[in-house]
């Protein structure tokens, strides 16, 4: 989601700057569209900043979930256990999930 917002805002920014640069006057329709694009870029950036993760919440795993993750780790390996953990906790990053699995298996 964040990558899509970044790419789309970058595209809108480039197109807006080109429209402003190639317009003859500041009041031409292409310049006005360029200014609107700049405003849209600012709005997209603000949306991206608003929806970013503030701080990762501490991970609370129940006893059954810990046992299931340990069994999955032993059966299919670390990658499968990380996938299982992220399916149950979709807001968890891969890095945090890997850290949780490694901590759990110590």
PDB file of N, CA and C in Angstrom:
ATOM      1  N   UNK A   1       0.828  -1.201   0.000  1.00  0.00           N
ATOM      2  CA  UNK A   1       0.000   0.000   0.000  1.00  0.00           C
ATOM      3  C   UNK A   1       0.864   1.253   0.000  1.00  0.00           C
ATOM      4  N   UNK A   2       1.863   1.280   0.885  1.00  0.00           N
ATOM      5  CA  UNK A   2       2.703   2.467   0.966  1.00  0.00           C
ATOM      6  C   UNK A   2       3.517   2.645  -0.308  1.00  0.00           C
ATOM      7  N   UNK A   3       3.958   1.537  -0.889  1.00  0.00           N
ATOM      8  CA  UNK A   3       4.736   1.626  -2.124  1.00  0.00           C
ATOM      9  C   UNK A   3       3.880   2.181  -3.261  1.00  0.00           C
ATOM     10  N   UNK A   4       2.631   1.741  -3.330  1.00  0.00           N
ATOM     11  CA  UNK A   4       1.732   2.238  -4.373  1.00  0.00           C
ATOM     12  C   UNK A   4       1.487   3.732  -4.206  1.00  0.00           C
ATOM     13  N   UNK A   5       1.309   4.171  -2.957  1.00  0.00           N
ATOM     14  CA  UNK A   5       1.121   5.602  -2.715  1.00  0.00           C
ATOM     15  C   UNK A   5       2.361   6.390  -3.108  1.00  0.00           C
ATOM     16  N   UNK A   6       3.538   5.840  -2.806  1.00  0.00           N
ATOM     17  CA  UNK A   6       4.776   6.534  -3.143  1.00  0.00           C
ATOM     18  C   UNK A   6       4.946   6.644  -4.649  1.00  0.00           C
ATOM     19  N   UNK A   7       4.746   5.548  -5.353  1.00  0.00           N
ATOM     20  CA  UNK A   7       4.926   5.549  -6.809  1.00  0.00           C
ATOM     21  C   UNK A   7       3.908   6.467  -7.474  1.00  0.00           C
ATOM     22  N   UNK A   8       2.656   6.405  -7.021  1.00  0.00           N
ATOM     23  CA  UNK A   8       1.638   7.251  -7.642  1.00  0.00           C
ATOM     24  C   UNK A   8       1.881   8.723  -7.338  1.00  0.00           C
ATOM     25  N   UNK A   9       2.309   9.049  -6.118  1.00  0.00           N
ATOM     26  CA  UNK A   9       2.574  10.456  -5.808  1.00  0.00           C
ATOM     27  C   UNK A   9       3.802  10.956  -6.564  1.00  0.00           C
ATOM     28  N   UNK A  10       4.797  10.098  -6.755  1.00  0.00           N
ATOM     29  CA  UNK A  10       5.974  10.488  -7.531  1.00  0.00           C
ATOM     30  C   UNK A  10       5.595  10.735  -8.993  1.00  0.00           C
ATOM     31  N   UNK A  11       4.755   9.883  -9.543  1.00  0.00           N
ATOM     32  CA  UNK A  11       4.294  10.051 -10.921  1.00  0.00           C
ATOM     33  C   UNK A  11       3.512  11.351 -11.077  1.00  0.00           C
ATOM     34  N   UNK A  12       2.591  11.612 -10.158  1.00  0.00           N
ATOM     35  CA  UNK A  12       1.786  12.837 -10.223  1.00  0.00           C
ATOM     36  C   UNK A  12       2.685  14.061 -10.086  1.00  0.00           C
ATOM     37  N   UNK A  13       3.688  13.989  -9.222  1.00  0.00           N
ATOM     38  CA  UNK A  13       4.616  15.105  -9.043  1.00  0.00           C
ATOM     39  C   UNK A  13       5.388  15.397 -10.329  1.00  0.00           C
ATOM     40  N   UNK A  14       5.900  14.366 -10.972  1.00  0.00           N
ATOM     41  CA  UNK A  14       6.673  14.552 -12.206  1.00  0.00           C
ATOM     42  C   UNK A  14       5.797  15.128 -13.318  1.00  0.00           C
ATOM     43  N   UNK A  15       4.610  14.565 -13.489  1.00  0.00           N
ATOM     44  CA  UNK A  15       3.704  15.059 -14.532  1.00  0.00           C
ATOM     45  C   UNK A  15       3.301  16.502 -14.248  1.00  0.00           C
ATOM     46  N   UNK A  16       3.036  16.812 -12.988  1.00  0.00           N
ATOM     47  CA  UNK A  16       2.647  18.180 -12.625  1.00  0.00           C
ATOM     48  C   UNK A  16       3.762  19.173 -12.924  1.00  0.00           C
ATOM     49  N   UNK A  17       4.975  18.817 -12.564  1.00  0.00           N
ATOM     50  CA  UNK A  17       6.106  19.713 -12.839  1.00  0.00           C
ATOM     51  C   UNK A  17       6.309  19.913 -14.336  1.00  0.00           C
ATOM     52  N   UNK A  18       6.136  18.847 -15.111  1.00  0.00           N
ATOM     53  CA  UNK A  18       6.270  18.978 -16.565  1.00  0.00           C
ATOM     54  C   UNK A  18       5.168  19.859 -17.149  1.00  0.00           C
ATOM     55  N   UNK A  19       3.953  19.708 -16.653  1.00  0.00           N
ATOM     56  CA  UNK A  19       2.860  20.552 -17.139  1.00  0.00           C
ATOM     57  C   UNK A  19       3.115  22.021 -16.829  1.00  0.00           C
ATOM     58  N   UNK A  20       3.605  22.300 -15.636  1.00  0.00           N
ATOM     59  CA  UNK A  20       3.901  23.686 -15.266  1.00  0.00           C
ATOM     60  C   UNK A  20       5.064  24.219 -16.097  1.00  0.00           C
ATOM     61  N   UNK A  21       6.082  23.396 -16.301  1.00  0.00           N
ATOM     62  CA  UNK A  21       7.267  23.841 -17.032  1.00  0.00           C
ATOM     63  C   UNK A  21       6.959  24.138 -18.497  1.00  0.00           C
ATOM     64  N   UNK A  22       6.080  23.369 -19.122  1.00  0.00           N
ATOM     65  CA  UNK A  22       5.800  23.555 -20.538  1.00  0.00           C
ATOM     66  C   UNK A  22       4.640  24.506 -20.820  1.00  0.00           C
ATOM     67  N   UNK A  23       4.045  25.064 -19.797  1.00  0.00           N
ATOM     68  CA  UNK A  23       2.971  26.034 -20.038  1.00  0.00           C
ATOM     69  C   UNK A  23       3.578  27.408 -20.309  1.00  0.00           C
ATOM     70  N   UNK A  24       2.914  28.179 -21.141  1.00  0.00           N
ATOM     71  CA  UNK A  24       3.437  29.492 -21.520  1.00  0.00           C
ATOM     72  C   UNK A  24       3.196  30.540 -20.442  1.00  0.00           C
ATOM     73  N   UNK A  25       2.052  30.463 -19.788  1.00  0.00           N
ATOM     74  CA  UNK A  25       1.724  31.419 -18.731  1.00  0.00           C
ATOM     75  C   UNK A  25       1.285  30.653 -17.486  1.00  0.00           C
ATOM     76  N   UNK A  26       1.294  31.337 -16.361  1.00  0.00           N
ATOM     77  CA  UNK A  26       0.890  30.700 -15.106  1.00  0.00           C
ATOM     78  C   UNK A  26      -0.604  30.434 -15.052  1.00  0.00           C
ATOM     79  N   UNK A  27      -1.361  31.084 -15.926  1.00  0.00           N
ATOM     80  CA  UNK A  27      -2.812  30.899 -15.920  1.00  0.00           C
ATOM     81  C   UNK A  27      -3.303  29.974 -17.024  1.00  0.00           C
ATOM     82  N   UNK A  28      -2.402  29.397 -17.803  1.00  0.00           N
ATOM     83  CA  UNK A  28      -2.805  28.419 -18.820  1.00  0.00           C
ATOM     84  C   UNK A  28      -3.457  27.212 -18.153  1.00  0.00           C
ATOM     85  N   UNK A  29      -4.287  26.538 -18.914  1.00  0.00           N
ATOM     86  CA  UNK A  29      -4.978  25.371 -18.365  1.00  0.00           C
ATOM     87  C   UNK A  29      -3.990  24.283 -17.964  1.00  0.00           C
ATOM     88  N   UNK A  30      -2.922  24.098 -18.734  1.00  0.00           N
ATOM     89  CA  UNK A  30      -1.938  23.075 -18.373  1.00  0.00           C
ATOM     90  C   UNK A  30      -1.243  23.422 -17.063  1.00  0.00           C
ATOM     91  N   UNK A  31      -0.977  24.706 -16.832  1.00  0.00           N
ATOM     92  CA  UNK A  31      -0.358  25.113 -15.570  1.00  0.00           C
ATOM     93  C   UNK A  31      -1.311  24.895 -14.405  1.00  0.00           C
ATOM     94  N   UNK A  32      -2.581  25.198 -14.621  1.00  0.00           N
ATOM     95  CA  UNK A  32      -3.580  24.999 -13.562  1.00  0.00           C
ATOM     96  C   UNK A  32      -3.693  23.513 -13.219  1.00  0.00           C
ATOM     97  N   UNK A  33      -3.682  22.668 -14.239  1.00  0.00           N
ATOM     98  CA  UNK A  33      -3.711  21.222 -13.996  1.00  0.00           C
ATOM     99  C   UNK A  33      -2.440  20.795 -13.252  1.00  0.00           C
ATOM    100  N   UNK A  34      -1.310  21.391 -13.599  1.00  0.00           N
ATOM    101  CA  UNK A  34      -0.063  21.099 -12.895  1.00  0.00           C
ATOM    102  C   UNK A  34      -0.130  21.494 -11.431  1.00  0.00           C
ATOM    103  N   UNK A  35      -0.714  22.664 -11.153  1.00  0.00           N
ATOM    104  CA  UNK A  35      -0.862  23.095  -9.759  1.00  0.00           C
ATOM    105  C   UNK A  35      -1.785  22.144  -8.997  1.00  0.00           C
ATOM    106  N   UNK A  36      -2.848  21.719  -9.656  1.00  0.00           N
ATOM    107  CA  UNK A  36      -3.758  20.760  -9.019  1.00  0.00           C
ATOM    108  C   UNK A  36      -3.035  19.440  -8.741  1.00  0.00           C
ATOM    109  N   UNK A  37      -2.147  19.069  -9.644  1.00  0.00           N
ATOM    110  CA  UNK A  37      -1.347  17.859  -9.430  1.00  0.00           C
ATOM    111  C   UNK A  37      -0.413  17.990  -8.247  1.00  0.00           C
ATOM    112  N   UNK A  38       0.161  19.183  -8.078  1.00  0.00           N
ATOM    113  CA  UNK A  38       1.020  19.404  -6.912  1.00  0.00           C
ATOM    114  C   UNK A  38       0.222  19.294  -5.616  1.00  0.00           C
ATOM    115  N   UNK A  39      -0.975  19.840  -5.628  1.00  0.00           N
ATOM    116  CA  UNK A  39      -1.840  19.726  -4.446  1.00  0.00           C
ATOM    117  C   UNK A  39      -2.202  18.259  -4.203  1.00  0.00           C
ATOM    118  N   UNK A  40      -2.497  17.530  -5.275  1.00  0.00           N
ATOM    119  CA  UNK A  40      -2.821  16.106  -5.135  1.00  0.00           C
ATOM    120  C   UNK A  40      -1.632  15.327  -4.576  1.00  0.00           C
ATOM    121  N   UNK A  41      -0.421  15.701  -4.997  1.00  0.00           N
ATOM    122  CA  UNK A  41       0.774  15.054  -4.464  1.00  0.00           C
ATOM    123  C   UNK A  41       0.898  15.296  -2.971  1.00  0.00           C
ATOM    124  N   UNK A  42       0.665  16.520  -2.545  1.00  0.00           N
ATOM    125  CA  UNK A  42       0.717  16.814  -1.114  1.00  0.00           C
ATOM    126  C   UNK A  42      -0.327  16.011  -0.345  1.00  0.00           C
ATOM    127  N   UNK A  43      -1.517  15.880  -0.922  1.00  0.00           N
ATOM    128  CA  UNK A  43      -2.569  15.098  -0.270  1.00  0.00           C
ATOM    129  C   UNK A  43      -2.157  13.630  -0.174  1.00  0.00           C
ATOM    130  N   UNK A  44      -1.582  13.070  -1.237  1.00  0.00           N
ATOM    131  CA  UNK A  44      -1.133  11.680  -1.208  1.00  0.00           C
ATOM    132  C   UNK A  44      -0.035  11.466  -0.176  1.00  0.00           C
ATOM    133  N   UNK A  45       0.873  12.424  -0.063  1.00  0.00           N
ATOM    134  CA  UNK A  45       1.931  12.316   0.948  1.00  0.00           C
ATOM    135  C   UNK A  45       1.333  12.350   2.347  1.00  0.00           C
ATOM    136  N   UNK A  46       0.372  13.229   2.563  1.00  0.00           N
ATOM    137  CA  UNK A  46      -0.268  13.311   3.878  1.00  0.00           C
ATOM    138  C   UNK A  46      -1.025  12.022   4.201  1.00  0.00           C
ATOM    139  N   UNK A  47      -1.686  11.440   3.207  1.00  0.00           N
ATOM    140  CA  UNK A  47      -2.379  10.170   3.426  1.00  0.00           C
ATOM    141  C   UNK A  47      -1.373   9.081   3.788  1.00  0.00           C
ATOM    142  N   UNK A  48      -0.252   9.040   3.078  1.00  0.00           N
ATOM    143  CA  UNK A  48       0.786   8.056   3.378  1.00  0.00           C
ATOM    144  C   UNK A  48       1.342   8.212   4.777  1.00  0.00           C
ATOM    145  N   UNK A  49       1.542   9.441   5.212  1.00  0.00           N
ATOM    146  CA  UNK A  49       2.047   9.667   6.565  1.00  0.00           C
ATOM    147  C   UNK A  49       0.998   9.327   7.617  1.00  0.00           C
ATOM    148  N   UNK A  50      -0.261   9.556   7.300  1.00  0.00           N
ATOM    149  CA  UNK A  50      -1.331   9.283   8.254  1.00  0.00           C
ATOM    150  C   UNK A  50      -1.513   7.787   8.477  1.00  0.00           C
ATOM    151  N   UNK A  51      -1.412   6.997   7.404  1.00  0.00           N
ATOM    152  CA  UNK A  51      -1.675   5.569   7.511  1.00  0.00           C
ATOM    153  C   UNK A  51      -0.447   4.727   7.827  1.00  0.00           C
ATOM    154  N   UNK A  52       0.695   5.325   8.027  1.00  0.00           N
ATOM    155  CA  UNK A  52       1.866   4.511   8.348  1.00  0.00           C
ATOM    156  C   UNK A  52       1.733   3.954   9.760  1.00  0.00           C
ATOM    157  N   UNK A  53       2.466   2.900  10.016  1.00  0.00           N
ATOM    158  CA  UNK A  53       2.426   2.279  11.336  1.00  0.00           C
ATOM    159  C   UNK A  53       3.093   3.204  12.336  1.00  0.00           C
ATOM    160  N   UNK A  54       2.361   3.526  13.371  1.00  0.00           N
ATOM    161  CA  UNK A  54       2.914   4.418  14.392  1.00  0.00           C
ATOM    162  C   UNK A  54       4.018   3.700  15.164  1.00  0.00           C
ATOM    163  N   UNK A  55       3.686   2.580  15.711  1.00  0.00           N
ATOM    164  CA  UNK A  55       4.652   1.768  16.434  1.00  0.00           C
ATOM    165  C   UNK A  55       4.073   0.367  16.507  1.00  0.00           C
ATOM    166  N   UNK A  56       4.920  -0.592  16.341  1.00  0.00           N
ATOM    167  CA  UNK A  56       4.438  -1.968  16.381  1.00  0.00           C
ATOM    168  C   UNK A  56       3.984  -2.310  17.802  1.00  0.00           C
ATOM    169  N   UNK A  57       2.815  -2.904  17.875  1.00  0.00           N
ATOM    170  CA  UNK A  57       2.310  -3.315  19.177  1.00  0.00           C
ATOM    171  C   UNK A  57       3.068  -4.551  19.643  1.00  0.00           C
ATOM    172  N   UNK A  58       3.233  -4.718  20.946  1.00  0.00           N
ATOM    173  CA  UNK A  58       3.906  -5.930  21.420  1.00  0.00           C
ATOM    174  C   UNK A  58       3.090  -7.168  21.047  1.00  0.00           C
ATOM    175  N   UNK A  59       3.785  -8.193  20.675  1.00  0.00           N
ATOM    176  CA  UNK A  59       3.136  -9.414  20.207  1.00  0.00           C
ATOM    177  C   UNK A  59       2.757 -10.278  21.403  1.00  0.00           C
ATOM    178  N   UNK A  60       1.487 -10.606  21.493  1.00  0.00           N
ATOM    179  CA  UNK A  60       0.981 -11.469  22.560  1.00  0.00           C
ATOM    180  C   UNK A  60       0.619 -12.818  21.950  1.00  0.00           C
ATOM    181  N   UNK A  61       1.355 -13.858  22.322  1.00  0.00           N
ATOM    182  CA  UNK A  61       1.081 -15.192  21.817  1.00  0.00           C
ATOM    183  C   UNK A  61       0.541 -16.056  22.942  1.00  0.00           C
ATOM    184  N   UNK A  62      -0.530 -16.757  22.647  1.00  0.00           N
ATOM    185  CA  UNK A  62      -1.083 -17.691  23.617  1.00  0.00           C
ATOM    186  C   UNK A  62      -0.280 -18.982  23.635  1.00  0.00           C
ATOM    187  N   UNK A  63      -0.524 -19.800  24.640  1.00  0.00           N
ATOM    188  CA  UNK A  63       0.207 -21.058  24.791  1.00  0.00           C
ATOM    189  C   UNK A  63      -0.040 -21.981  23.602  1.00  0.00           C
ATOM    190  N   UNK A  64      -1.287 -22.068  23.165  1.00  0.00           N
ATOM    191  CA  UNK A  64      -1.606 -22.935  22.026  1.00  0.00           C
ATOM    192  C   UNK A  64      -0.919 -22.455  20.753  1.00  0.00           C
ATOM    193  N   UNK A  65      -0.889 -21.141  20.574  1.00  0.00           N
ATOM    194  CA  UNK A  65      -0.245 -20.596  19.374  1.00  0.00           C
ATOM    195  C   UNK A  65       1.260 -20.841  19.407  1.00  0.00           C
ATOM    196  N   UNK A  66       1.861 -20.725  20.578  1.00  0.00           N
ATOM    197  CA  UNK A  66       3.295 -21.001  20.708  1.00  0.00           C
ATOM    198  C   UNK A  66       3.590 -22.454  20.367  1.00  0.00           C
ATOM    199  N   UNK A  67       2.769 -23.365  20.883  1.00  0.00           N
ATOM    200  CA  UNK A  67       2.969 -24.785  20.592  1.00  0.00           C
ATOM    201  C   UNK A  67       2.790 -25.072  19.104  1.00  0.00           C
ATOM    202  N   UNK A  68       1.791 -24.454  18.490  1.00  0.00           N
ATOM    203  CA  UNK A  68       1.557 -24.658  17.057  1.00  0.00           C
ATOM    204  C   UNK A  68       2.719 -24.108  16.232  1.00  0.00           C
ATOM    205  N   UNK A  69       3.251 -22.957  16.627  1.00  0.00           N
ATOM    206  CA  UNK A  69       4.386 -22.378  15.899  1.00  0.00           C
ATOM    207  C   UNK A  69       5.637 -23.234  16.052  1.00  0.00           C
ATOM    208  N   UNK A  70       5.866 -23.762  17.248  1.00  0.00           N
ATOM    209  CA  UNK A  70       7.023 -24.650  17.454  1.00  0.00           C
ATOM    210  C   UNK A  70       6.894 -25.911  16.602  1.00  0.00           C
ATOM    211  N   UNK A  71       5.698 -26.476  16.570  1.00  0.00           N
ATOM    212  CA  UNK A  71       5.472 -27.680  15.766  1.00  0.00           C
ATOM    213  C   UNK A  71       5.667 -27.382  14.280  1.00  0.00           C
ATOM    214  N   UNK A  72       5.165 -26.251  13.829  1.00  0.00           N
ATOM    215  CA  UNK A  72       5.336 -25.855  12.422  1.00  0.00           C
ATOM    216  C   UNK A  72       6.806 -25.637  12.094  1.00  0.00           C
ATOM    217  N   UNK A  73       7.543 -25.048  13.016  1.00  0.00           N
ATOM    218  CA  UNK A  73       8.977 -24.815  12.819  1.00  0.00           C
ATOM    219  C   UNK A  73       9.710 -26.145  12.678  1.00  0.00           C
ATOM    220  N   UNK A  74       9.384 -27.093  13.541  1.00  0.00           N
ATOM    221  CA  UNK A  74      10.064 -28.398  13.500  1.00  0.00           C
ATOM    222  C   UNK A  74       9.690 -29.194  12.246  1.00  0.00           C
ATOM    223  N   UNK A  75       8.423 -29.090  11.831  1.00  0.00           N
ATOM    224  CA  UNK A  75       7.966 -29.843  10.664  1.00  0.00           C
ATOM    225  C   UNK A  75       8.471 -29.253   9.352  1.00  0.00           C
ATOM    226  N   UNK A  76       8.258 -27.945   9.163  1.00  0.00           N
ATOM    227  CA  UNK A  76       8.494 -27.343   7.843  1.00  0.00           C
ATOM    228  C   UNK A  76       9.552 -26.256   7.818  1.00  0.00           C
ATOM    229  N   UNK A  77      10.107 -25.894   8.958  1.00  0.00           N
ATOM    230  CA  UNK A  77      11.185 -24.920   8.964  1.00  0.00           C
ATOM    231  C   UNK A  77      10.747 -23.518   9.349  1.00  0.00           C
ATOM    232  N   UNK A  78      11.742 -22.635   9.372  1.00  0.00           N
ATOM    233  CA  UNK A  78      11.548 -21.267   9.851  1.00  0.00           C
ATOM    234  C   UNK A  78      10.604 -20.461   8.956  1.00  0.00           C
ATOM    235  N   UNK A  79      10.766 -20.583   7.660  1.00  0.00           N
ATOM    236  CA  UNK A  79       9.958 -19.787   6.728  1.00  0.00           C
ATOM    237  C   UNK A  79       8.475 -20.110   6.885  1.00  0.00           C
ATOM    238  N   UNK A  80       8.162 -21.375   7.014  1.00  0.00           N
ATOM    239  CA  UNK A  80       6.768 -21.780   7.181  1.00  0.00           C
ATOM    240  C   UNK A  80       6.191 -21.266   8.500  1.00  0.00           C
ATOM    241  N   UNK A  81       6.989 -21.288   9.557  1.00  0.00           N
ATOM    242  CA  UNK A  81       6.527 -20.772  10.852  1.00  0.00           C
ATOM    243  C   UNK A  81       6.299 -19.264  10.785  1.00  0.00           C
ATOM    244  N   UNK A  82       7.163 -18.558  10.074  1.00  0.00           N
ATOM    245  CA  UNK A  82       6.994 -17.107   9.912  1.00  0.00           C
ATOM    246  C   UNK A  82       5.712 -16.818   9.132  1.00  0.00           C
ATOM    247  N   UNK A  83       5.464 -17.579   8.064  1.00  0.00           N
ATOM    248  CA  UNK A  83       4.226 -17.397   7.289  1.00  0.00           C
ATOM    249  C   UNK A  83       2.998 -17.638   8.151  1.00  0.00           C
ATOM    250  N   UNK A  84       3.058 -18.685   8.963  1.00  0.00           N
ATOM    251  CA  UNK A  84       1.929 -19.001   9.840  1.00  0.00           C
ATOM    252  C   UNK A  84       1.687 -17.878  10.847  1.00  0.00           C
ATOM    253  N   UNK A  85       2.757 -17.350  11.412  1.00  0.00           N
ATOM    254  CA  UNK A  85       2.630 -16.263  12.382  1.00  0.00           C
ATOM    255  C   UNK A  85       2.058 -15.011  11.724  1.00  0.00           C
ATOM    256  N   UNK A  86       2.507 -14.711  10.510  1.00  0.00           N
ATOM    257  CA  UNK A  86       2.013 -13.517   9.815  1.00  0.00           C
ATOM    258  C   UNK A  86       0.575 -13.683   9.327  1.00  0.00           C
ATOM    259  N   UNK A  87       0.147 -14.908   9.084  1.00  0.00           N
ATOM    260  CA  UNK A  87      -1.263 -15.131   8.744  1.00  0.00           C
ATOM    261  C   UNK A  87      -2.153 -14.819   9.941  1.00  0.00           C
ATOM    262  N   UNK A  88      -1.683 -15.185  11.128  1.00  0.00           N
ATOM    263  CA  UNK A  88      -2.458 -14.928  12.347  1.00  0.00           C
ATOM    264  C   UNK A  88      -2.353 -13.482  12.804  1.00  0.00           C
ATOM    265  N   UNK A  89      -1.258 -12.815  12.458  1.00  0.00           N
ATOM    266  CA  UNK A  89      -1.019 -11.417  12.848  1.00  0.00           C
ATOM    267  C   UNK A  89      -0.587 -10.640  11.602  1.00  0.00           C
ATOM    268  N   UNK A  90      -1.530 -10.198  10.764  1.00  0.00           N
ATOM    269  CA  UNK A  90      -1.188  -9.585   9.469  1.00  0.00           C
ATOM    270  C   UNK A  90      -0.433  -8.260   9.571  1.00  0.00           C
ATOM    271  N   UNK A  91      -0.518  -7.555  10.686  1.00  0.00           N
ATOM    272  CA  UNK A  91       0.194  -6.280  10.813  1.00  0.00           C
ATOM    273  C   UNK A  91       1.648  -6.463  11.220  1.00  0.00           C
ATOM    274  N   UNK A  92       2.063  -7.678  11.435  1.00  0.00           N
ATOM    275  CA  UNK A  92       3.423  -7.970  11.869  1.00  0.00           C
ATOM    276  C   UNK A  92       4.353  -7.979  10.657  1.00  0.00           C
ATOM    277  N   UNK A  93       5.470  -7.273  10.760  1.00  0.00           N
ATOM    278  CA  UNK A  93       6.426  -7.251   9.648  1.00  0.00           C
ATOM    279  C   UNK A  93       7.193  -8.571   9.600  1.00  0.00           C
ATOM    280  N   UNK A  94       7.836  -8.830   8.477  1.00  0.00           N
ATOM    281  CA  UNK A  94       8.617 -10.056   8.332  1.00  0.00           C
ATOM    282  C   UNK A  94       9.763 -10.066   9.331  1.00  0.00           C
ATOM    283  N   UNK A  95      10.397  -8.927   9.514  1.00  0.00           N
ATOM    284  CA  UNK A  95      11.518  -8.825  10.449  1.00  0.00           C
ATOM    285  C   UNK A  95      11.065  -9.147  11.871  1.00  0.00           C
ATOM    286  N   UNK A  96       9.944  -8.569  12.288  1.00  0.00           N
ATOM    287  CA  UNK A  96       9.436  -8.819  13.634  1.00  0.00           C
ATOM    288  C   UNK A  96       8.968 -10.262  13.797  1.00  0.00           C
ATOM    289  N   UNK A  97       8.361 -10.817  12.753  1.00  0.00           N
ATOM    290  CA  UNK A  97       7.923 -12.212  12.818  1.00  0.00           C
ATOM    291  C   UNK A  97       9.121 -13.147  12.926  1.00  0.00           C
ATOM    292  N   UNK A  98      10.160 -12.864  12.179  1.00  0.00           N
ATOM    293  CA  UNK A  98      11.375 -13.690  12.250  1.00  0.00           C
ATOM    294  C   UNK A  98      11.996 -13.603  13.634  1.00  0.00           C
ATOM    295  N   UNK A  99      12.039 -12.397  14.184  1.00  0.00           N
ATOM    296  CA  UNK A  99      12.586 -12.216  15.532  1.00  0.00           C
ATOM    297  C   UNK A  99      11.751 -12.988  16.557  1.00  0.00           C
ATOM    298  N   UNK A 100      10.425 -12.933  16.417  1.00  0.00           N
ATOM    299  CA  UNK A 100       9.550 -13.645  17.348  1.00  0.00           C
ATOM    300  C   UNK A 100       9.758 -15.155  17.256  1.00  0.00           C
ATOM    301  N   UNK A 101       9.887 -15.680  16.045  1.00  0.00           N
ATOM    302  CA  UNK A 101      10.099 -17.123  15.870  1.00  0.00           C
ATOM    303  C   UNK A 101      11.451 -17.528  16.436  1.00  0.00           C
ATOM    304  N   UNK A 102      12.490 -16.741  16.157  1.00  0.00           N
ATOM    305  CA  UNK A 102      13.815 -17.071  16.685  1.00  0.00           C
ATOM    306  C   UNK A 102      13.839 -17.012  18.205  1.00  0.00           C
ATOM    307  N   UNK A 103      13.145 -16.042  18.784  1.00  0.00           N
ATOM    308  CA  UNK A 103      13.067 -15.940  20.239  1.00  0.00           C
ATOM    309  C   UNK A 103      12.282 -17.118  20.809  1.00  0.00           C
ATOM    310  N   UNK A 104      11.228 -17.500  20.136  1.00  0.00           N
ATOM    311  CA  UNK A 104      10.397 -18.611  20.587  1.00  0.00           C
ATOM    312  C   UNK A 104      11.157 -19.931  20.555  1.00  0.00           C
ATOM    313  N   UNK A 105      12.042 -20.101  19.588  1.00  0.00           N
ATOM    314  CA  UNK A 105      12.746 -21.374  19.425  1.00  0.00           C
ATOM    315  C   UNK A 105      14.014 -21.480  20.270  1.00  0.00           C
ATOM    316  N   UNK A 106      14.364 -20.439  20.993  1.00  0.00           N
ATOM    317  CA  UNK A 106      15.564 -20.518  21.852  1.00  0.00           C
ATOM    318  C   UNK A 106      15.326 -21.407  23.036  1.00  0.00           C
TER     319      UNK A 106
END
